[in-house]
PDB file of N, CA and C in Angstrom:
ATOM      1  N   MET A   1      19.021   5.974  19.905  1.00  0.00           N
ATOM      2  CA  MET A   1      20.062   5.667  18.958  1.00  0.00           C
ATOM      3  C   MET A   1      21.241   6.585  19.211  1.00  0.00           C
ATOM      4  N   SER A   2      22.405   6.104  18.892  1.00  0.00           N
ATOM      5  CA  SER A   2      23.620   6.891  19.040  1.00  0.00           C
ATOM      6  C   SER A   2      23.817   7.415  20.446  1.00  0.00           C
ATOM      7  N   GLY A   3      23.404   6.650  21.446  1.00  0.00           N
ATOM      8  CA  GLY A   3      23.644   7.029  22.825  1.00  0.00           C
ATOM      9  C   GLY A   3      22.655   8.009  23.412  1.00  0.00           C
ATOM     10  N   ARG A   4      21.683   8.470  22.625  1.00  0.00           N
ATOM     11  CA  ARG A   4      20.679   9.395  23.144  1.00  0.00           C
ATOM     12  C   ARG A   4      19.701   8.621  24.009  1.00  0.00           C
ATOM     13  N   ASN A   5      19.070   9.308  24.926  1.00  0.00           N
ATOM     14  CA  ASN A   5      18.008   8.669  25.690  1.00  0.00           C
ATOM     15  C   ASN A   5      16.823   8.474  24.770  1.00  0.00           C
ATOM     16  N   GLU A   6      16.431   7.238  24.602  1.00  0.00           N
ATOM     17  CA  GLU A   6      15.335   6.922  23.693  1.00  0.00           C
ATOM     18  C   GLU A   6      14.079   6.604  24.476  1.00  0.00           C
ATOM     19  N   HIS A   7      12.967   6.827  23.849  1.00  0.00           N
ATOM     20  CA  HIS A   7      11.667   6.439  24.382  1.00  0.00           C
ATOM     21  C   HIS A   7      11.659   4.918  24.530  1.00  0.00           C
ATOM     22  N   PRO A   8      11.011   4.384  25.571  1.00  0.00           N
ATOM     23  CA  PRO A   8      11.027   2.922  25.744  1.00  0.00           C
ATOM     24  C   PRO A   8      10.386   2.153  24.585  1.00  0.00           C
ATOM     25  N   ASP A   9       9.558   2.804  23.774  1.00  0.00           N
ATOM     26  CA  ASP A   9       8.942   2.126  22.636  1.00  0.00           C
ATOM     27  C   ASP A   9       9.662   2.393  21.317  1.00  0.00           C
ATOM     28  N   SER A  10      10.875   2.959  21.387  1.00  0.00           N
ATOM     29  CA  SER A  10      11.666   3.147  20.167  1.00  0.00           C
ATOM     30  C   SER A  10      12.073   1.792  19.616  1.00  0.00           C
ATOM     31  N   LEU A  11      12.166   1.722  18.310  1.00  0.00           N
ATOM     32  CA  LEU A  11      12.663   0.507  17.673  1.00  0.00           C
ATOM     33  C   LEU A  11      14.167   0.393  17.926  1.00  0.00           C
ATOM     34  N   ALA A  12      14.659  -0.822  17.921  1.00  0.00           N
ATOM     35  CA  ALA A  12      16.088  -1.051  18.132  1.00  0.00           C
ATOM     36  C   ALA A  12      16.893  -0.498  16.965  1.00  0.00           C
ATOM     37  N   GLU A  13      18.069  -0.036  17.262  1.00  0.00           N
ATOM     38  CA  GLU A  13      18.974   0.434  16.234  1.00  0.00           C
ATOM     39  C   GLU A  13      19.396  -0.762  15.374  1.00  0.00           C
ATOM     40  N   PRO A  14      19.291  -0.650  14.049  1.00  0.00           N
ATOM     41  CA  PRO A  14      19.650  -1.787  13.192  1.00  0.00           C
ATOM     42  C   PRO A  14      21.169  -1.962  13.122  1.00  0.00           C
ATOM     43  N   PRO A  15      21.616  -3.166  12.797  1.00  0.00           N
ATOM     44  CA  PRO A  15      23.060  -3.421  12.718  1.00  0.00           C
ATOM     45  C   PRO A  15      23.814  -2.456  11.794  1.00  0.00           C
ATOM     46  N   ILE A  16      23.199  -2.061  10.670  1.00  0.00           N
ATOM     47  CA  ILE A  16      23.890  -1.157   9.737  1.00  0.00           C
ATOM     48  C   ILE A  16      24.295   0.140  10.427  1.00  0.00           C
ATOM     49  N   ALA A  17      23.495   0.596  11.388  1.00  0.00           N
ATOM     50  CA  ALA A  17      23.796   1.845  12.083  1.00  0.00           C
ATOM     51  C   ALA A  17      25.041   1.704  12.961  1.00  0.00           C
ATOM     52  N   ARG A  18      25.244   0.520  13.508  1.00  0.00           N
ATOM     53  CA  ARG A  18      26.422   0.285  14.350  1.00  0.00           C
ATOM     54  C   ARG A  18      27.656  -0.058  13.528  1.00  0.00           C
ATOM     55  N   LEU A  19      27.466  -0.722  12.399  1.00  0.00           N
ATOM     56  CA  LEU A  19      28.589  -1.264  11.638  1.00  0.00           C
ATOM     57  C   LEU A  19      29.139  -0.324  10.572  1.00  0.00           C
ATOM     58  N   ASN A  20      28.333   0.626  10.121  1.00  0.00           N
ATOM     59  CA  ASN A  20      28.773   1.508   9.050  1.00  0.00           C
ATOM     60  C   ASN A  20      28.722   2.964   9.526  1.00  0.00           C
ATOM     61  N   PRO A  21      29.887   3.586   9.710  1.00  0.00           N
ATOM     62  CA  PRO A  21      29.901   4.968  10.216  1.00  0.00           C
ATOM     63  C   PRO A  21      29.256   5.981   9.269  1.00  0.00           C
ATOM     64  N   GLN A  22      29.025   5.595   8.005  1.00  0.00           N
ATOM     65  CA  GLN A  22      28.374   6.508   7.062  1.00  0.00           C
ATOM     66  C   GLN A  22      26.857   6.344   7.038  1.00  0.00           C
ATOM     67  N   ALA A  23      26.330   5.383   7.785  1.00  0.00           N
ATOM     68  CA  ALA A  23      24.879   5.162   7.811  1.00  0.00           C
ATOM     69  C   ALA A  23      24.194   6.329   8.519  1.00  0.00           C
ATOM     70  N   VAL A  24      23.021   6.721   8.010  1.00  0.00           N
ATOM     71  CA  VAL A  24      22.228   7.785   8.632  1.00  0.00           C
ATOM     72  C   VAL A  24      20.766   7.353   8.695  1.00  0.00           C
ATOM     73  N   GLU A  25      20.080   7.802   9.714  1.00  0.00           N
ATOM     74  CA  GLU A  25      18.641   7.563   9.804  1.00  0.00           C
ATOM     75  C   GLU A  25      17.958   8.580   8.908  1.00  0.00           C
ATOM     76  N   VAL A  26      17.046   8.119   8.032  1.00  0.00           N
ATOM     77  CA  VAL A  26      16.418   9.033   7.084  1.00  0.00           C
ATOM     78  C   VAL A  26      14.932   9.240   7.339  1.00  0.00           C
ATOM     79  N   LEU A  27      14.325   8.402   8.162  1.00  0.00           N
ATOM     80  CA  LEU A  27      12.885   8.532   8.388  1.00  0.00           C
ATOM     81  C   LEU A  27      12.525   7.992   9.763  1.00  0.00           C
ATOM     82  N   ARG A  28      11.710   8.736  10.494  1.00  0.00           N
ATOM     83  CA  ARG A  28      11.195   8.281  11.776  1.00  0.00           C
ATOM     84  C   ARG A  28       9.730   8.718  11.850  1.00  0.00           C
ATOM     85  N   VAL A  29       8.861   7.792  12.215  1.00  0.00           N
ATOM     86  CA  VAL A  29       7.429   8.077  12.300  1.00  0.00           C
ATOM     87  C   VAL A  29       6.936   7.638  13.674  1.00  0.00           C
ATOM     88  N   TRP A  30       6.248   8.521  14.377  1.00  0.00           N
ATOM     89  CA  TRP A  30       5.647   8.199  15.670  1.00  0.00           C
ATOM     90  C   TRP A  30       4.139   8.413  15.572  1.00  0.00           C
ATOM     91  N   ALA A  31       3.395   7.586  16.269  1.00  0.00           N
ATOM     92  CA  ALA A  31       1.939   7.692  16.277  1.00  0.00           C
ATOM     93  C   ALA A  31       1.434   7.470  17.690  1.00  0.00           C
ATOM     94  N   ALA A  32       0.345   8.133  18.034  1.00  0.00           N
ATOM     95  CA  ALA A  32      -0.328   7.949  19.313  1.00  0.00           C
ATOM     96  C   ALA A  32      -1.828   7.950  19.036  1.00  0.00           C
ATOM     97  N   PRO A  33      -2.598   7.150  19.769  1.00  0.00           N
ATOM     98  CA  PRO A  33      -4.044   7.085  19.523  1.00  0.00           C
ATOM     99  C   PRO A  33      -4.686   8.479  19.562  1.00  0.00           C
ATOM    100  N   GLY A  34      -5.452   8.774  18.524  1.00  0.00           N
ATOM    101  CA  GLY A  34      -6.186  10.037  18.473  1.00  0.00           C
ATOM    102  C   GLY A  34      -5.344  11.257  18.156  1.00  0.00           C
ATOM    103  N   LYS A  35      -4.077  11.059  17.832  1.00  0.00           N
ATOM    104  CA  LYS A  35      -3.187  12.186  17.547  1.00  0.00           C
ATOM    105  C   LYS A  35      -2.627  12.048  16.133  1.00  0.00           C
ATOM    106  N   PRO A  36      -2.237  13.165  15.516  1.00  0.00           N
ATOM    107  CA  PRO A  36      -1.623  13.065  14.192  1.00  0.00           C
ATOM    108  C   PRO A  36      -0.262  12.376  14.295  1.00  0.00           C
ATOM    109  N   ARG A  37       0.148  11.718  13.229  1.00  0.00           N
ATOM    110  CA  ARG A  37       1.471  11.118  13.202  1.00  0.00           C
ATOM    111  C   ARG A  37       2.522  12.221  13.176  1.00  0.00           C
ATOM    112  N   VAL A  38       3.669  11.927  13.777  1.00  0.00           N
ATOM    113  CA  VAL A  38       4.793  12.853  13.734  1.00  0.00           C
ATOM    114  C   VAL A  38       5.862  12.195  12.881  1.00  0.00           C
ATOM    115  N   ILE A  39       6.263  12.885  11.838  1.00  0.00           N
ATOM    116  CA  ILE A  39       7.220  12.351  10.879  1.00  0.00           C
ATOM    117  C   ILE A  39       8.442  13.264  10.855  1.00  0.00           C
ATOM    118  N   THR A  40       9.602  12.662  11.036  1.00  0.00           N
ATOM    119  CA  THR A  40      10.860  13.385  10.916  1.00  0.00           C
ATOM    120  C   THR A  40      11.656  12.706   9.824  1.00  0.00           C
ATOM    121  N   PHE A  41      12.245  13.475   8.945  1.00  0.00           N
ATOM    122  CA  PHE A  41      12.986  12.881   7.837  1.00  0.00           C
ATOM    123  C   PHE A  41      14.210  13.715   7.518  1.00  0.00           C
ATOM    124  N   ARG A  42      15.119  13.113   6.805  1.00  0.00           N
ATOM    125  CA  ARG A  42      16.313  13.787   6.311  1.00  0.00           C
ATOM    126  C   ARG A  42      16.258  13.690   4.789  1.00  0.00           C
ATOM    127  N   THR A  43      16.385  14.824   4.114  1.00  0.00           N
ATOM    128  CA  THR A  43      16.355  14.834   2.649  1.00  0.00           C
ATOM    129  C   THR A  43      17.722  14.389   2.144  1.00  0.00           C
ATOM    130  N   THR A  44      17.912  13.088   2.141  1.00  0.00           N
ATOM    131  CA  THR A  44      19.212  12.469   1.915  1.00  0.00           C
ATOM    132  C   THR A  44      19.627  12.430   0.462  1.00  0.00           C
ATOM    133  N   TRP A  45      18.684  12.193  -0.442  1.00  0.00           N
ATOM    134  CA  TRP A  45      19.040  11.892  -1.822  1.00  0.00           C
ATOM    135  C   TRP A  45      18.755  13.039  -2.760  1.00  0.00           C
ATOM    136  N   GLN A  46      19.651  13.219  -3.740  1.00  0.00           N
ATOM    137  CA  GLN A  46      19.443  14.228  -4.779  1.00  0.00           C
ATOM    138  C   GLN A  46      18.297  13.819  -5.698  1.00  0.00           C
ATOM    139  N   ASP A  47      18.164  12.520  -5.945  1.00  0.00           N
ATOM    140  CA  ASP A  47      17.120  11.989  -6.809  1.00  0.00           C
ATOM    141  C   ASP A  47      15.869  11.734  -5.980  1.00  0.00           C
ATOM    142  N   ALA A  48      14.833  12.529  -6.179  1.00  0.00           N
ATOM    143  CA  ALA A  48      13.599  12.379  -5.402  1.00  0.00           C
ATOM    144  C   ALA A  48      12.964  11.011  -5.598  1.00  0.00           C
ATOM    145  N   GLY A  49      13.225  10.380  -6.740  1.00  0.00           N
ATOM    146  CA  GLY A  49      12.679   9.055  -6.997  1.00  0.00           C
ATOM    147  C   GLY A  49      13.144   8.016  -5.989  1.00  0.00           C
ATOM    148  N   THR A  50      14.271   8.262  -5.344  1.00  0.00           N
ATOM    149  CA  THR A  50      14.750   7.325  -4.334  1.00  0.00           C
ATOM    150  C   THR A  50      13.757   7.216  -3.188  1.00  0.00           C
ATOM    151  N   TRP A  51      13.073   8.318  -2.859  1.00  0.00           N
ATOM    152  CA  TRP A  51      12.035   8.239  -1.827  1.00  0.00           C
ATOM    153  C   TRP A  51      10.931   7.279  -2.252  1.00  0.00           C
ATOM    154  N   GLY A  52      10.614   7.240  -3.536  1.00  0.00           N
ATOM    155  CA  GLY A  52       9.628   6.281  -4.029  1.00  0.00           C
ATOM    156  C   GLY A  52      10.064   4.855  -3.761  1.00  0.00           C
ATOM    157  N   LEU A  53      11.354   4.566  -3.991  1.00  0.00           N
ATOM    158  CA  LEU A  53      11.884   3.238  -3.699  1.00  0.00           C
ATOM    159  C   LEU A  53      11.786   2.918  -2.212  1.00  0.00           C
ATOM    160  N   VAL A  54      12.139   3.886  -1.381  1.00  0.00           N
ATOM    161  CA  VAL A  54      12.082   3.679   0.067  1.00  0.00           C
ATOM    162  C   VAL A  54      10.646   3.422   0.511  1.00  0.00           C
ATOM    163  N   LEU A  55       9.707   4.218   0.021  1.00  0.00           N
ATOM    164  CA  LEU A  55       8.311   4.037   0.415  1.00  0.00           C
ATOM    165  C   LEU A  55       7.759   2.703  -0.069  1.00  0.00           C
ATOM    166  N   ALA A  56       8.178   2.268  -1.261  1.00  0.00           N
ATOM    167  CA  ALA A  56       7.760   0.956  -1.754  1.00  0.00           C
ATOM    168  C   ALA A  56       8.326  -0.151  -0.866  1.00  0.00           C
ATOM    169  N   ASP A  57       9.585  -0.016  -0.447  1.00  0.00           N
ATOM    170  CA  ASP A  57      10.176  -1.005   0.455  1.00  0.00           C
ATOM    171  C   ASP A  57       9.426  -1.056   1.779  1.00  0.00           C
ATOM    172  N   VAL A  58       9.080   0.120   2.317  1.00  0.00           N
ATOM    173  CA  VAL A  58       8.322   0.166   3.570  1.00  0.00           C
ATOM    174  C   VAL A  58       6.994  -0.569   3.400  1.00  0.00           C
ATOM    175  N   ALA A  59       6.306  -0.322   2.296  1.00  0.00           N
ATOM    176  CA  ALA A  59       5.018  -0.984   2.050  1.00  0.00           C
ATOM    177  C   ALA A  59       5.184  -2.495   1.961  1.00  0.00           C
ATOM    178  N   LYS A  60       6.209  -2.946   1.255  1.00  0.00           N
ATOM    179  CA  LYS A  60       6.425  -4.390   1.119  1.00  0.00           C
ATOM    180  C   LYS A  60       6.747  -5.032   2.465  1.00  0.00           C
ATOM    181  N   PHE A  61       7.602  -4.396   3.257  1.00  0.00           N
ATOM    182  CA  PHE A  61       7.932  -4.948   4.569  1.00  0.00           C
ATOM    183  C   PHE A  61       6.707  -4.967   5.479  1.00  0.00           C
ATOM    184  N   ALA A  62       5.910  -3.900   5.432  1.00  0.00           N
ATOM    185  CA  ALA A  62       4.704  -3.842   6.279  1.00  0.00           C
ATOM    186  C   ALA A  62       3.703  -4.911   5.864  1.00  0.00           C
ATOM    187  N   SER A  63       3.572  -5.147   4.568  1.00  0.00           N
ATOM    188  CA  SER A  63       2.619  -6.164   4.120  1.00  0.00           C
ATOM    189  C   SER A  63       3.084  -7.559   4.534  1.00  0.00           C
ATOM    190  N   LYS A  64       4.383  -7.809   4.481  1.00  0.00           N
ATOM    191  CA  LYS A  64       4.901  -9.101   4.928  1.00  0.00           C
ATOM    192  C   LYS A  64       4.719  -9.271   6.428  1.00  0.00           C
ATOM    193  N   ALA A  65       4.919  -8.208   7.193  1.00  0.00           N
ATOM    194  CA  ALA A  65       4.707  -8.277   8.642  1.00  0.00           C
ATOM    195  C   ALA A  65       3.240  -8.549   8.958  1.00  0.00           C
ATOM    196  N   SER A  66       2.350  -8.020   8.144  1.00  0.00           N
ATOM    197  CA  SER A  66       0.916  -8.258   8.348  1.00  0.00           C
ATOM    198  C   SER A  66       0.572  -9.730   8.194  1.00  0.00           C
ATOM    199  N   ALA A  67       1.323 -10.431   7.377  1.00  0.00           N
ATOM    200  CA  ALA A  67       1.084 -11.868   7.187  1.00  0.00           C
ATOM    201  C   ALA A  67       1.296 -12.622   8.498  1.00  0.00           C
ATOM    202  N   GLN A  68       2.200 -12.130   9.315  1.00  0.00           N
ATOM    203  CA  GLN A  68       2.445 -12.755  10.612  1.00  0.00           C
ATOM    204  C   GLN A  68       1.261 -12.556  11.558  1.00  0.00           C
ATOM    205  N   GLU A  69       0.409 -11.599  11.243  1.00  0.00           N
ATOM    206  CA  GLU A  69      -0.786 -11.335  12.046  1.00  0.00           C
ATOM    207  C   GLU A  69      -2.026 -11.936  11.403  1.00  0.00           C
ATOM    208  N   GLY A  70      -1.819 -12.772  10.385  1.00  0.00           N
ATOM    209  CA  GLY A  70      -2.932 -13.477   9.765  1.00  0.00           C
ATOM    210  C   GLY A  70      -3.608 -12.767   8.616  1.00  0.00           C
ATOM    211  N   ARG A  71      -3.077 -11.642   8.159  1.00  0.00           N
ATOM    212  CA  ARG A  71      -3.664 -10.936   7.024  1.00  0.00           C
ATOM    213  C   ARG A  71      -2.869 -11.251   5.771  1.00  0.00           C
ATOM    214  N   GLY A  72      -3.526 -11.301   4.648  1.00  0.00           N
ATOM    215  CA  GLY A  72      -2.851 -11.591   3.384  1.00  0.00           C
ATOM    216  C   GLY A  72      -2.016 -10.412   2.925  1.00  0.00           C
ATOM    217  N   PRO A  73      -0.723 -10.640   2.655  1.00  0.00           N
ATOM    218  CA  PRO A  73       0.136  -9.532   2.243  1.00  0.00           C
ATOM    219  C   PRO A  73      -0.336  -8.821   0.981  1.00  0.00           C
ATOM    220  N   LYS A  74      -0.880  -9.557   0.013  1.00  0.00           N
ATOM    221  CA  LYS A  74      -1.352  -8.914  -1.228  1.00  0.00           C
ATOM    222  C   LYS A  74      -2.538  -8.003  -0.951  1.00  0.00           C
ATOM    223  N   ALA A  75      -3.459  -8.457  -0.102  1.00  0.00           N
ATOM    224  CA  ALA A  75      -4.619  -7.631   0.247  1.00  0.00           C
ATOM    225  C   ALA A  75      -4.176  -6.384   1.016  1.00  0.00           C
ATOM    226  N   VAL A  76      -3.181  -6.545   1.868  1.00  0.00           N
ATOM    227  CA  VAL A  76      -2.665  -5.390   2.614  1.00  0.00           C
ATOM    228  C   VAL A  76      -2.050  -4.380   1.655  1.00  0.00           C
ATOM    229  N   LEU A  77      -1.290  -4.855   0.676  1.00  0.00           N
ATOM    230  CA  LEU A  77      -0.694  -3.941  -0.301  1.00  0.00           C
ATOM    231  C   LEU A  77      -1.753  -3.213  -1.120  1.00  0.00           C
ATOM    232  N   VAL A  78      -2.831  -3.920  -1.483  1.00  0.00           N
ATOM    233  CA  VAL A  78      -3.922  -3.273  -2.220  1.00  0.00           C
ATOM    234  C   VAL A  78      -4.517  -2.144  -1.378  1.00  0.00           C
ATOM    235  N   GLY A  79      -4.769  -2.414  -0.112  1.00  0.00           N
ATOM    236  CA  GLY A  79      -5.309  -1.386   0.783  1.00  0.00           C
ATOM    237  C   GLY A  79      -4.355  -0.210   0.950  1.00  0.00           C
ATOM    238  N   MET A  80      -3.071  -0.508   1.069  1.00  0.00           N
ATOM    239  CA  MET A  80      -2.069   0.562   1.184  1.00  0.00           C
ATOM    240  C   MET A  80      -2.055   1.429  -0.069  1.00  0.00           C
ATOM    241  N   ARG A  81      -2.066   0.766  -1.219  1.00  0.00           N
ATOM    242  CA  ARG A  81      -2.014   1.504  -2.491  1.00  0.00           C
ATOM    243  C   ARG A  81      -3.238   2.404  -2.634  1.00  0.00           C
ATOM    244  N   GLU A  82      -4.410   1.897  -2.303  1.00  0.00           N
ATOM    245  CA  GLU A  82      -5.634   2.705  -2.402  1.00  0.00           C
ATOM    246  C   GLU A  82      -5.549   3.932  -1.499  1.00  0.00           C
ATOM    247  N   ARG A  83      -5.133   3.726  -0.243  1.00  0.00           N
ATOM    248  CA  ARG A  83      -5.038   4.851   0.696  1.00  0.00           C
ATOM    249  C   ARG A  83      -3.935   5.814   0.289  1.00  0.00           C
ATOM    250  N   PHE A  84      -2.808   5.286  -0.171  1.00  0.00           N
ATOM    251  CA  PHE A  84      -1.690   6.110  -0.619  1.00  0.00           C
ATOM    252  C   PHE A  84      -2.127   7.033  -1.755  1.00  0.00           C
ATOM    253  N   ASN A  85      -2.767   6.448  -2.785  1.00  0.00           N
ATOM    254  CA  ASN A  85      -3.220   7.244  -3.924  1.00  0.00           C
ATOM    255  C   ASN A  85      -4.268   8.270  -3.512  1.00  0.00           C
ATOM    256  N   ALA A  86      -5.180   7.885  -2.629  1.00  0.00           N
ATOM    257  CA  ALA A  86      -6.194   8.831  -2.153  1.00  0.00           C
ATOM    258  C   ALA A  86      -5.546   9.976  -1.382  1.00  0.00           C
ATOM    259  N   GLU A  87      -4.551   9.670  -0.581  1.00  0.00           N
ATOM    260  CA  GLU A  87      -3.873  10.706   0.207  1.00  0.00           C
ATOM    261  C   GLU A  87      -3.095  11.660  -0.695  1.00  0.00           C
ATOM    262  N   LEU A  88      -2.471  11.133  -1.730  1.00  0.00           N
ATOM    263  CA  LEU A  88      -1.751  12.002  -2.658  1.00  0.00           C
ATOM    264  C   LEU A  88      -2.697  12.911  -3.425  1.00  0.00           C
ATOM    265  N   THR A  89      -3.894  12.415  -3.716  1.00  0.00           N
ATOM    266  CA  THR A  89      -4.877  13.184  -4.463  1.00  0.00           C
ATOM    267  C   THR A  89      -5.505  14.279  -3.617  1.00  0.00           C
ATOM    268  N   SER A  90      -5.834  13.955  -2.374  1.00  0.00           N
ATOM    269  CA  SER A  90      -6.508  14.904  -1.492  1.00  0.00           C
ATOM    270  C   SER A  90      -6.051  14.658  -0.066  1.00  0.00           C
ATOM    271  N   LEU A  91      -5.196  15.531   0.430  1.00  0.00           N
ATOM    272  CA  LEU A  91      -4.659  15.346   1.774  1.00  0.00           C
ATOM    273  C   LEU A  91      -5.783  15.329   2.804  1.00  0.00           C
ATOM    274  N   THR A  92      -5.741  14.329   3.698  1.00  0.00           N
ATOM    275  CA  THR A  92      -6.811  14.174   4.679  1.00  0.00           C
ATOM    276  C   THR A  92      -6.437  14.713   6.053  1.00  0.00           C
ATOM    277  N   GLU A  93      -5.184  15.036   6.266  1.00  0.00           N
ATOM    278  CA  GLU A  93      -4.750  15.483   7.585  1.00  0.00           C
ATOM    279  C   GLU A  93      -4.059  16.830   7.494  1.00  0.00           C
ATOM    280  N   ASN A  94      -4.049  17.506   8.621  1.00  0.00           N
ATOM    281  CA  ASN A  94      -3.263  18.702   8.781  1.00  0.00           C
ATOM    282  C   ASN A  94      -1.795  18.272   8.746  1.00  0.00           C
ATOM    283  N   ARG A  95      -0.952  18.989   8.107  1.00  0.00           N
ATOM    284  CA  ARG A  95       0.437  18.595   7.949  1.00  0.00           C
ATOM    285  C   ARG A  95       1.325  19.013   9.120  1.00  0.00           C
ATOM    286  N   LYS A  96       0.775  19.434  10.233  1.00  0.00           N
ATOM    287  CA  LYS A  96       1.584  19.724  11.413  1.00  0.00           C
ATOM    288  C   LYS A  96       2.236  18.433  11.879  1.00  0.00           C
ATOM    289  N   GLY A  97       3.429  18.525  12.389  1.00  0.00           N
ATOM    290  CA  GLY A  97       4.111  17.365  12.902  1.00  0.00           C
ATOM    291  C   GLY A  97       5.033  16.710  11.904  1.00  0.00           C
ATOM    292  N   ILE A  98       5.162  17.282  10.704  1.00  0.00           N
ATOM    293  CA  ILE A  98       6.097  16.753   9.722  1.00  0.00           C
ATOM    294  C   ILE A  98       7.266  17.716   9.641  1.00  0.00           C
ATOM    295  N   THR A  99       8.437  17.234   9.996  1.00  0.00           N
ATOM    296  CA  THR A  99       9.622  18.094  10.014  1.00  0.00           C
ATOM    297  C   THR A  99      10.791  17.376   9.368  1.00  0.00           C
ATOM    298  N   ASP A 100      11.757  18.196   8.906  1.00  0.00           N
ATOM    299  CA  ASP A 100      12.978  17.578   8.432  1.00  0.00           C
ATOM    300  C   ASP A 100      13.905  17.388   9.627  1.00  0.00           C
ATOM    301  N   ALA A 101      15.054  16.813   9.406  1.00  0.00           N
ATOM    302  CA  ALA A 101      15.970  16.479  10.491  1.00  0.00           C
ATOM    303  C   ALA A 101      16.438  17.713  11.264  1.00  0.00           C
ATOM    304  N   ASN A 102      16.301  18.888  10.675  1.00  0.00           N
ATOM    305  CA  ASN A 102      16.680  20.116  11.354  1.00  0.00           C
ATOM    306  C   ASN A 102      15.545  20.752  12.122  1.00  0.00           C
ATOM    307  N   GLY A 103      14.387  20.111  12.104  1.00  0.00           N
ATOM    308  CA  GLY A 103      13.225  20.632  12.825  1.00  0.00           C
ATOM    309  C   GLY A 103      12.391  21.608  12.029  1.00  0.00           C
ATOM    310  N   SER A 104      12.693  21.772  10.731  1.00  0.00           N
ATOM    311  CA  SER A 104      11.913  22.671   9.886  1.00  0.00           C
ATOM    312  C   SER A 104      10.670  21.980   9.375  1.00  0.00           C
ATOM    313  N   ALA A 105       9.563  22.711   9.322  1.00  0.00           N
ATOM    314  CA  ALA A 105       8.304  22.147   8.808  1.00  0.00           C
ATOM    315  C   ALA A 105       8.252  22.242   7.322  1.00  0.00           C
TER     316      ALA A 105
END
């Protein structure tokens, strides 16, 4: 994105990034088999609740995409909600690999 050399499996830059000079990337997640996910984020909003909206949107989009693979979107959302709540209650992974946009853990 933005002219940087990207990994060949990077997602395409969305139109909003090209069309609006005030647009910023706020979340990037990478995963590899057998490795922890790497999450980079920018603490963009003063209202922390906005992250809740963003995460809900991500869940809804992922559940709809699952429908294209033959899975029921409602069942996918139920599974996401169960895992999400369990993860919030008791973290299952080491938190290494989660950084803000400045590289701070």
